[in-house]
């Protein structure tokens, strides 16, 4: 899987609108579409893509720490936003896109630096204009839950001119 390093390496809107959200996510998983640059910066990658479910694997490093040396809350939030919104993306039809309207994160325990996690998002509802999903971050080795979240996404049908 390659990571986009310039805007030209990201998929264009024509590509995005020509396939369903599930096909888009599957192409990204196969490495045919570049993963977003933020995933390289925050050390996470796409692990699982299914209809209504997406999981990322990641490991927080020292560069993701807050001033006290713990994993910054933004790392948790980014992983949860990514997995939950991408789960919604798997249910977006061809010709449409999504954007996150809001998301909520609940941290339940500190992730020790260097601990591999799995962030999983699952859809609860996907309609014509909105998608709702929930997610969780668990330790890959021990299954401990580190955070939960929920999101609402706006689904927009795009006009092709």
N, C-alpha and C. Protein backbone atom coordinates (compact mmCIF):
# COMPACT_ATOMS: atom_id res chain seq x y z
N UNK A 1 0.85 -1.16 0.00
CA UNK A 1 0.00 0.00 0.00
C UNK A 1 0.90 1.23 0.00
N UNK A 2 0.70 2.11 -0.95
CA UNK A 2 1.53 3.31 -0.99
C UNK A 2 0.78 4.49 -0.40
N UNK A 3 1.55 5.45 0.09
CA UNK A 3 1.00 6.65 0.71
C UNK A 3 1.20 7.82 -0.22
N UNK A 4 0.18 8.61 -0.41
CA UNK A 4 0.30 9.81 -1.23
C UNK A 4 1.27 10.77 -0.56
N UNK A 5 2.22 11.30 -1.36
CA UNK A 5 3.16 12.29 -0.83
C UNK A 5 2.95 13.65 -1.49
N UNK A 6 2.12 13.69 -2.53
CA UNK A 6 1.75 14.95 -3.17
C UNK A 6 0.26 14.91 -3.46
N UNK A 7 -0.38 16.06 -3.59
CA UNK A 7 -1.82 16.07 -3.91
C UNK A 7 -2.15 15.32 -5.20
N UNK A 8 -1.23 15.30 -6.15
CA UNK A 8 -1.47 14.61 -7.42
C UNK A 8 -1.59 13.11 -7.27
N UNK A 9 -1.10 12.55 -6.17
CA UNK A 9 -1.17 11.11 -5.96
C UNK A 9 -2.48 10.66 -5.31
N UNK A 10 -3.25 11.61 -4.82
CA UNK A 10 -4.56 11.27 -4.26
C UNK A 10 -5.54 11.04 -5.41
N UNK A 11 -6.53 10.18 -5.21
CA UNK A 11 -7.49 9.93 -6.29
C UNK A 11 -8.30 11.18 -6.61
N UNK A 12 -8.56 11.39 -7.88
CA UNK A 12 -9.38 12.52 -8.29
C UNK A 12 -10.85 12.24 -8.07
N UNK A 13 -11.66 13.29 -8.13
CA UNK A 13 -13.10 13.15 -7.91
C UNK A 13 -13.72 12.24 -8.97
N UNK A 14 -13.22 12.26 -10.20
CA UNK A 14 -13.75 11.36 -11.23
C UNK A 14 -13.60 9.91 -10.82
N UNK A 15 -12.44 9.57 -10.25
CA UNK A 15 -12.21 8.20 -9.78
C UNK A 15 -13.14 7.86 -8.63
N UNK A 16 -13.24 8.76 -7.67
CA UNK A 16 -14.07 8.52 -6.49
C UNK A 16 -15.53 8.32 -6.88
N UNK A 17 -16.03 9.13 -7.80
CA UNK A 17 -17.44 9.06 -8.17
C UNK A 17 -17.77 7.93 -9.12
N UNK A 18 -16.75 7.30 -9.71
CA UNK A 18 -17.00 6.25 -10.70
C UNK A 18 -17.19 4.87 -10.07
N UNK A 19 -16.96 4.75 -8.76
CA UNK A 19 -17.09 3.45 -8.08
C UNK A 19 -17.84 3.66 -6.77
N UNK A 20 -18.33 2.57 -6.21
CA UNK A 20 -19.01 2.65 -4.91
C UNK A 20 -17.97 2.89 -3.82
N UNK A 21 -18.45 3.30 -2.65
CA UNK A 21 -17.56 3.49 -1.52
C UNK A 21 -16.86 2.20 -1.11
N UNK A 22 -17.57 1.07 -1.18
CA UNK A 22 -16.96 -0.21 -0.86
C UNK A 22 -15.84 -0.52 -1.84
N UNK A 23 -16.09 -0.32 -3.14
CA UNK A 23 -15.05 -0.57 -4.14
C UNK A 23 -13.85 0.36 -3.92
N UNK A 24 -14.12 1.61 -3.54
CA UNK A 24 -13.04 2.56 -3.26
C UNK A 24 -12.16 2.06 -2.11
N UNK A 25 -12.80 1.67 -1.01
CA UNK A 25 -12.04 1.19 0.16
C UNK A 25 -11.29 -0.10 -0.15
N UNK A 26 -11.88 -0.99 -0.93
CA UNK A 26 -11.20 -2.23 -1.32
C UNK A 26 -9.98 -1.93 -2.20
N UNK A 27 -10.11 -0.96 -3.11
CA UNK A 27 -8.98 -0.56 -3.96
C UNK A 27 -7.85 0.03 -3.11
N UNK A 28 -8.21 0.79 -2.08
CA UNK A 28 -7.20 1.33 -1.18
C UNK A 28 -6.51 0.20 -0.42
N UNK A 29 -7.28 -0.77 0.03
CA UNK A 29 -6.70 -1.90 0.75
C UNK A 29 -5.73 -2.68 -0.13
N UNK A 30 -6.03 -2.81 -1.41
CA UNK A 30 -5.16 -3.51 -2.35
C UNK A 30 -3.95 -2.67 -2.77
N UNK A 31 -3.92 -1.39 -2.41
CA UNK A 31 -2.81 -0.53 -2.78
C UNK A 31 -2.95 0.11 -4.14
N UNK A 32 -4.14 0.02 -4.73
CA UNK A 32 -4.38 0.62 -6.05
C UNK A 32 -4.68 2.11 -5.93
N UNK A 33 -5.15 2.53 -4.78
CA UNK A 33 -5.41 3.94 -4.47
C UNK A 33 -4.56 4.26 -3.25
N UNK A 34 -3.88 5.39 -3.30
CA UNK A 34 -2.99 5.77 -2.19
C UNK A 34 -3.76 5.96 -0.90
N UNK A 35 -3.14 5.53 0.19
CA UNK A 35 -3.73 5.81 1.49
C UNK A 35 -3.45 7.27 1.81
N UNK A 36 -4.27 7.88 2.65
CA UNK A 36 -4.09 9.30 2.96
C UNK A 36 -2.79 9.55 3.72
N UNK A 37 -2.14 10.68 3.48
CA UNK A 37 -0.87 10.98 4.13
C UNK A 37 -0.94 10.95 5.66
N UNK A 38 -2.08 11.32 6.25
CA UNK A 38 -2.18 11.34 7.71
C UNK A 38 -1.97 9.95 8.30
N UNK A 39 -2.33 8.90 7.57
CA UNK A 39 -2.16 7.55 8.12
C UNK A 39 -0.69 7.19 8.28
N UNK A 40 0.17 7.71 7.41
CA UNK A 40 1.60 7.47 7.56
C UNK A 40 2.15 8.29 8.74
N UNK A 41 1.71 9.54 8.85
CA UNK A 41 2.17 10.40 9.94
C UNK A 41 1.79 9.84 11.31
N UNK A 42 0.59 9.25 11.40
CA UNK A 42 0.12 8.73 12.68
C UNK A 42 0.32 7.23 12.84
N UNK A 43 1.01 6.61 11.88
CA UNK A 43 1.42 5.21 11.98
C UNK A 43 0.25 4.23 12.10
N UNK A 44 -0.69 4.34 11.17
CA UNK A 44 -1.77 3.36 11.12
C UNK A 44 -2.05 3.01 9.66
N UNK A 45 -2.61 1.83 9.45
CA UNK A 45 -2.90 1.38 8.08
C UNK A 45 -4.19 0.57 8.06
N UNK A 46 -4.75 0.50 6.87
CA UNK A 46 -6.01 -0.21 6.65
C UNK A 46 -5.79 -1.71 6.83
N UNK A 47 -6.64 -2.34 7.64
CA UNK A 47 -6.51 -3.76 7.93
C UNK A 47 -7.66 -4.57 7.36
N UNK A 48 -8.90 -4.10 7.56
CA UNK A 48 -10.09 -4.87 7.17
C UNK A 48 -11.08 -3.95 6.47
N UNK A 49 -11.65 -4.45 5.37
CA UNK A 49 -12.71 -3.74 4.67
C UNK A 49 -13.82 -4.73 4.37
N UNK A 50 -15.00 -4.47 4.90
CA UNK A 50 -16.19 -5.26 4.62
C UNK A 50 -17.35 -4.27 4.47
N UNK A 51 -18.44 -4.72 3.91
CA UNK A 51 -19.64 -3.88 3.84
C UNK A 51 -20.03 -3.49 5.26
N UNK A 52 -20.00 -2.20 5.57
CA UNK A 52 -20.40 -1.71 6.88
C UNK A 52 -19.38 -1.85 7.98
N UNK A 53 -18.15 -2.25 7.65
CA UNK A 53 -17.12 -2.44 8.69
C UNK A 53 -15.73 -2.15 8.12
N UNK A 54 -14.97 -1.36 8.86
CA UNK A 54 -13.58 -1.07 8.49
C UNK A 54 -12.74 -1.10 9.76
N UNK A 55 -11.54 -1.66 9.65
CA UNK A 55 -10.61 -1.66 10.78
C UNK A 55 -9.23 -1.18 10.33
N UNK A 56 -8.60 -0.44 11.21
CA UNK A 56 -7.23 0.02 11.02
C UNK A 56 -6.35 -0.56 12.12
N UNK A 57 -5.08 -0.84 11.80
CA UNK A 57 -4.09 -1.24 12.79
C UNK A 57 -3.11 -0.10 12.92
N UNK A 58 -2.70 0.15 14.14
CA UNK A 58 -1.73 1.20 14.35
C UNK A 58 -0.98 1.03 15.65
N UNK A 59 0.12 1.76 15.76
CA UNK A 59 0.93 1.73 16.96
C UNK A 59 1.37 3.15 17.28
N UNK A 60 0.91 3.72 18.39
CA UNK A 60 1.35 5.07 18.74
C UNK A 60 2.82 5.06 19.14
N UNK A 61 3.54 6.08 18.67
CA UNK A 61 4.96 6.21 18.94
C UNK A 61 5.20 7.48 19.76
N UNK A 62 6.43 7.72 20.15
CA UNK A 62 6.75 8.89 20.94
C UNK A 62 6.33 10.18 20.24
N UNK A 63 6.39 10.20 18.91
CA UNK A 63 6.00 11.41 18.17
C UNK A 63 4.50 11.70 18.29
N UNK A 64 3.73 10.78 18.85
CA UNK A 64 2.29 10.96 19.05
C UNK A 64 1.94 11.27 20.51
N UNK A 65 2.97 11.58 21.29
CA UNK A 65 2.78 11.81 22.72
C UNK A 65 2.40 13.25 23.03
N UNK A 66 1.69 13.41 24.14
CA UNK A 66 1.38 14.75 24.67
C UNK A 66 2.55 15.19 25.55
N UNK A 67 2.50 16.38 26.14
CA UNK A 67 3.63 16.85 26.95
C UNK A 67 3.95 15.99 28.17
N UNK A 68 2.98 15.17 28.63
CA UNK A 68 3.24 14.29 29.77
C UNK A 68 3.80 12.93 29.34
N UNK A 69 3.92 12.71 28.04
CA UNK A 69 4.47 11.45 27.55
C UNK A 69 3.44 10.40 27.23
N UNK A 70 2.16 10.70 27.39
CA UNK A 70 1.09 9.76 27.05
C UNK A 70 0.62 9.97 25.61
N UNK A 71 -0.11 9.01 25.09
CA UNK A 71 -0.65 9.13 23.74
C UNK A 71 -1.65 10.29 23.70
N UNK A 72 -1.45 11.20 22.79
CA UNK A 72 -2.31 12.39 22.66
C UNK A 72 -3.73 11.95 22.29
N UNK A 73 -4.72 12.63 22.87
CA UNK A 73 -6.12 12.31 22.59
C UNK A 73 -6.46 12.45 21.12
N UNK A 74 -5.76 13.31 20.40
CA UNK A 74 -5.99 13.47 18.97
C UNK A 74 -5.66 12.21 18.19
N UNK A 75 -4.74 11.40 18.69
CA UNK A 75 -4.41 10.14 18.02
C UNK A 75 -5.61 9.19 18.12
N UNK A 76 -6.17 9.08 19.32
CA UNK A 76 -7.37 8.26 19.50
C UNK A 76 -8.48 8.77 18.56
N UNK A 77 -8.70 10.09 18.58
CA UNK A 77 -9.78 10.68 17.79
C UNK A 77 -9.61 10.45 16.30
N UNK A 78 -8.38 10.59 15.82
CA UNK A 78 -8.14 10.39 14.38
C UNK A 78 -8.40 8.95 13.98
N UNK A 79 -7.93 8.01 14.79
CA UNK A 79 -8.15 6.59 14.46
C UNK A 79 -9.64 6.25 14.48
N UNK A 80 -10.36 6.76 15.47
CA UNK A 80 -11.80 6.49 15.52
C UNK A 80 -12.55 7.19 14.40
N UNK A 81 -12.23 8.44 14.12
CA UNK A 81 -12.88 9.14 13.01
C UNK A 81 -12.63 8.37 11.71
N UNK A 82 -11.41 7.90 11.52
CA UNK A 82 -11.07 7.18 10.28
C UNK A 82 -11.86 5.89 10.15
N UNK A 83 -11.85 5.06 11.17
CA UNK A 83 -12.51 3.75 11.03
C UNK A 83 -14.03 3.88 10.95
N UNK A 84 -14.61 4.79 11.73
CA UNK A 84 -16.07 4.94 11.71
C UNK A 84 -16.55 5.54 10.39
N UNK A 85 -15.89 6.62 9.94
CA UNK A 85 -16.30 7.27 8.69
C UNK A 85 -16.04 6.36 7.50
N UNK A 86 -14.95 5.61 7.52
CA UNK A 86 -14.69 4.69 6.40
C UNK A 86 -15.68 3.54 6.39
N UNK A 87 -16.19 3.14 7.56
CA UNK A 87 -17.27 2.14 7.58
C UNK A 87 -18.49 2.69 6.86
N UNK A 88 -18.81 3.96 7.11
CA UNK A 88 -19.92 4.59 6.37
C UNK A 88 -19.60 4.62 4.89
N UNK A 89 -18.34 4.93 4.55
CA UNK A 89 -17.94 4.99 3.13
C UNK A 89 -18.25 3.68 2.40
N UNK A 90 -18.11 2.54 3.10
CA UNK A 90 -18.37 1.25 2.44
C UNK A 90 -19.82 1.09 2.01
N UNK A 91 -20.70 1.97 2.49
CA UNK A 91 -22.12 1.88 2.13
C UNK A 91 -22.58 3.05 1.27
N UNK A 92 -21.64 3.88 0.86
CA UNK A 92 -21.95 5.03 0.00
C UNK A 92 -22.03 4.54 -1.45
N UNK A 93 -23.11 4.87 -2.16
CA UNK A 93 -23.26 4.39 -3.54
C UNK A 93 -22.36 5.14 -4.52
N UNK A 94 -22.17 4.54 -5.68
CA UNK A 94 -21.44 5.19 -6.76
C UNK A 94 -22.05 6.57 -7.02
N UNK A 95 -21.19 7.55 -7.24
CA UNK A 95 -21.65 8.91 -7.52
C UNK A 95 -21.85 9.76 -6.28
N UNK A 96 -21.56 9.21 -5.10
CA UNK A 96 -21.72 9.95 -3.85
C UNK A 96 -20.43 9.95 -3.05
N UNK A 97 -20.34 10.90 -2.14
CA UNK A 97 -19.22 11.00 -1.20
C UNK A 97 -19.79 11.26 0.19
N UNK A 98 -18.93 11.28 1.18
CA UNK A 98 -19.37 11.54 2.55
C UNK A 98 -18.42 12.54 3.20
N UNK A 99 -18.85 13.11 4.28
CA UNK A 99 -17.99 13.89 5.15
C UNK A 99 -18.49 13.71 6.58
N UNK A 100 -17.58 13.79 7.53
CA UNK A 100 -17.96 13.67 8.93
C UNK A 100 -18.69 14.94 9.38
N UNK A 101 -19.88 14.78 9.93
CA UNK A 101 -20.61 15.91 10.52
C UNK A 101 -20.17 16.13 11.97
N UNK A 102 -20.08 15.05 12.72
CA UNK A 102 -19.63 15.13 14.11
C UNK A 102 -19.17 13.76 14.56
N UNK A 103 -18.29 13.76 15.54
CA UNK A 103 -17.93 12.50 16.17
C UNK A 103 -17.61 12.73 17.63
N UNK A 104 -17.78 11.67 18.42
CA UNK A 104 -17.54 11.72 19.85
C UNK A 104 -16.61 10.59 20.21
N UNK A 105 -15.69 10.89 21.11
CA UNK A 105 -14.71 9.91 21.56
C UNK A 105 -14.75 9.81 23.07
N UNK A 106 -14.73 8.59 23.58
CA UNK A 106 -14.63 8.33 25.01
C UNK A 106 -13.37 7.50 25.26
N UNK A 107 -12.40 8.08 25.97
CA UNK A 107 -11.17 7.35 26.31
C UNK A 107 -11.44 6.56 27.58
N UNK A 108 -11.13 5.27 27.56
CA UNK A 108 -11.39 4.44 28.73
C UNK A 108 -10.12 4.08 29.49
N UNK A 109 -8.98 4.13 28.81
CA UNK A 109 -7.69 3.89 29.47
C UNK A 109 -6.58 4.40 28.56
N UNK A 110 -5.42 4.61 29.13
CA UNK A 110 -4.27 5.09 28.35
C UNK A 110 -3.67 3.95 27.53
N UNK A 111 -3.36 4.24 26.28
CA UNK A 111 -2.64 3.28 25.43
C UNK A 111 -1.14 3.46 25.69
N UNK A 112 -0.46 2.44 26.16
CA UNK A 112 0.99 2.59 26.32
C UNK A 112 1.67 2.78 24.95
N UNK A 113 2.62 3.72 24.88
CA UNK A 113 3.37 3.91 23.64
C UNK A 113 3.92 2.56 23.18
N UNK A 114 3.86 2.32 21.87
CA UNK A 114 4.38 1.08 21.31
C UNK A 114 3.40 -0.08 21.32
N UNK A 115 2.17 0.15 21.80
CA UNK A 115 1.16 -0.91 21.86
C UNK A 115 0.38 -0.94 20.55
N UNK A 116 0.38 -2.06 19.85
CA UNK A 116 -0.39 -2.18 18.61
C UNK A 116 -1.88 -2.26 18.96
N UNK A 117 -2.66 -1.49 18.22
CA UNK A 117 -4.11 -1.48 18.45
C UNK A 117 -4.84 -1.79 17.15
N UNK A 118 -6.10 -2.13 17.30
CA UNK A 118 -7.02 -2.27 16.17
C UNK A 118 -8.19 -1.33 16.44
N UNK A 119 -8.43 -0.42 15.51
CA UNK A 119 -9.57 0.51 15.60
C UNK A 119 -10.61 0.04 14.60
N UNK A 120 -11.78 -0.32 15.09
CA UNK A 120 -12.83 -0.89 14.24
C UNK A 120 -14.06 0.00 14.25
N UNK A 121 -14.57 0.29 13.06
CA UNK A 121 -15.81 1.04 12.91
C UNK A 121 -16.87 0.19 12.25
N UNK A 122 -18.11 0.30 12.73
CA UNK A 122 -19.23 -0.49 12.21
C UNK A 122 -20.43 0.46 12.03
N UNK A 123 -21.10 0.35 10.90
CA UNK A 123 -22.26 1.21 10.66
C UNK A 123 -23.47 0.74 11.47
N UNK A 124 -24.24 1.72 11.91
CA UNK A 124 -25.50 1.46 12.60
C UNK A 124 -26.68 1.78 11.69
N UNK A 125 -26.47 2.76 10.81
CA UNK A 125 -27.52 3.20 9.88
C UNK A 125 -26.84 3.91 8.72
N UNK A 126 -27.27 3.60 7.53
CA UNK A 126 -26.84 4.36 6.36
C UNK A 126 -28.07 4.61 5.51
N UNK A 127 -28.40 5.88 5.36
CA UNK A 127 -29.54 6.28 4.57
C UNK A 127 -29.11 7.04 3.33
N UNK A 128 -30.03 7.77 2.76
CA UNK A 128 -29.76 8.53 1.55
C UNK A 128 -28.86 9.72 1.82
N UNK A 129 -29.00 10.35 3.01
CA UNK A 129 -28.24 11.57 3.29
C UNK A 129 -27.37 11.51 4.54
N UNK A 130 -27.56 10.51 5.40
CA UNK A 130 -26.71 10.39 6.59
C UNK A 130 -26.31 8.95 6.83
N UNK A 131 -25.18 8.83 7.52
CA UNK A 131 -24.71 7.53 7.97
C UNK A 131 -24.28 7.67 9.42
N UNK A 132 -24.58 6.67 10.23
CA UNK A 132 -24.23 6.67 11.65
C UNK A 132 -23.41 5.41 11.91
N UNK A 133 -22.34 5.56 12.69
CA UNK A 133 -21.48 4.41 12.99
C UNK A 133 -20.94 4.54 14.41
N UNK A 134 -20.47 3.41 14.93
CA UNK A 134 -19.79 3.41 16.22
C UNK A 134 -18.45 2.71 16.03
N UNK A 135 -17.55 2.94 16.98
CA UNK A 135 -16.23 2.32 16.86
C UNK A 135 -15.59 2.10 18.20
N UNK A 136 -14.49 1.36 18.16
CA UNK A 136 -13.72 1.11 19.36
C UNK A 136 -12.26 0.88 19.01
N UNK A 137 -11.41 1.19 19.96
CA UNK A 137 -9.98 0.90 19.86
C UNK A 137 -9.67 -0.16 20.90
N UNK A 138 -9.08 -1.27 20.43
CA UNK A 138 -8.70 -2.37 21.32
C UNK A 138 -7.24 -2.73 21.10
N UNK A 139 -6.64 -3.27 22.14
CA UNK A 139 -5.28 -3.79 22.01
C UNK A 139 -5.29 -4.99 21.07
N UNK A 140 -4.35 -5.02 20.13
CA UNK A 140 -4.30 -6.12 19.16
C UNK A 140 -3.95 -7.44 19.85
N UNK A 141 -3.10 -7.40 20.86
CA UNK A 141 -2.66 -8.63 21.51
C UNK A 141 -3.60 -9.10 22.61
N UNK A 142 -4.12 -8.15 23.41
CA UNK A 142 -4.89 -8.55 24.58
C UNK A 142 -6.38 -8.21 24.53
N UNK A 143 -6.82 -7.49 23.51
CA UNK A 143 -8.23 -7.15 23.37
C UNK A 143 -8.74 -6.09 24.33
N UNK A 144 -7.85 -5.50 25.15
CA UNK A 144 -8.29 -4.45 26.08
C UNK A 144 -8.90 -3.29 25.31
N UNK A 145 -9.98 -2.74 25.84
CA UNK A 145 -10.62 -1.60 25.19
C UNK A 145 -9.99 -0.30 25.71
N UNK A 146 -9.57 0.54 24.76
CA UNK A 146 -8.92 1.80 25.10
C UNK A 146 -9.81 3.01 24.83
N UNK A 147 -10.73 2.89 23.89
CA UNK A 147 -11.61 4.01 23.58
C UNK A 147 -12.80 3.53 22.78
N UNK A 148 -13.88 4.30 22.86
CA UNK A 148 -15.06 4.06 22.03
C UNK A 148 -15.45 5.39 21.38
N UNK A 149 -16.28 5.29 20.37
CA UNK A 149 -16.71 6.51 19.71
C UNK A 149 -17.97 6.29 18.90
N UNK A 150 -18.52 7.41 18.44
CA UNK A 150 -19.68 7.37 17.55
C UNK A 150 -19.56 8.53 16.58
N UNK A 151 -20.19 8.40 15.42
CA UNK A 151 -20.13 9.45 14.41
C UNK A 151 -21.44 9.55 13.64
N UNK A 152 -21.66 10.71 13.09
CA UNK A 152 -22.69 10.93 12.08
C UNK A 152 -22.00 11.55 10.88
N UNK A 153 -22.24 10.98 9.72
CA UNK A 153 -21.66 11.47 8.47
C UNK A 153 -22.75 11.94 7.53
N UNK A 154 -22.43 12.96 6.75
CA UNK A 154 -23.32 13.46 5.71
C UNK A 154 -22.96 12.75 4.41
N UNK A 155 -23.96 12.19 3.74
CA UNK A 155 -23.75 11.53 2.45
C UNK A 155 -24.30 12.46 1.39
N UNK A 156 -23.46 12.77 0.39
CA UNK A 156 -23.84 13.74 -0.64
C UNK A 156 -23.75 13.11 -2.02
N UNK A 157 -24.83 13.16 -2.75
CA UNK A 157 -24.81 12.73 -4.13
C UNK A 157 -24.24 13.87 -4.95
N UNK A 158 -23.20 13.58 -5.72
CA UNK A 158 -22.50 14.62 -6.49
C UNK A 158 -22.99 14.63 -7.92
N UNK A 159 -23.06 15.82 -8.47
CA UNK A 159 -23.42 15.96 -9.89
C UNK A 159 -22.16 15.80 -10.72
N UNK A 160 -22.28 15.09 -11.78
CA UNK A 160 -21.17 14.97 -12.74
C UNK A 160 -21.52 15.82 -13.94
N UNK A 161 -20.68 16.80 -14.22
CA UNK A 161 -20.93 17.68 -15.38
C UNK A 161 -20.09 17.25 -16.56
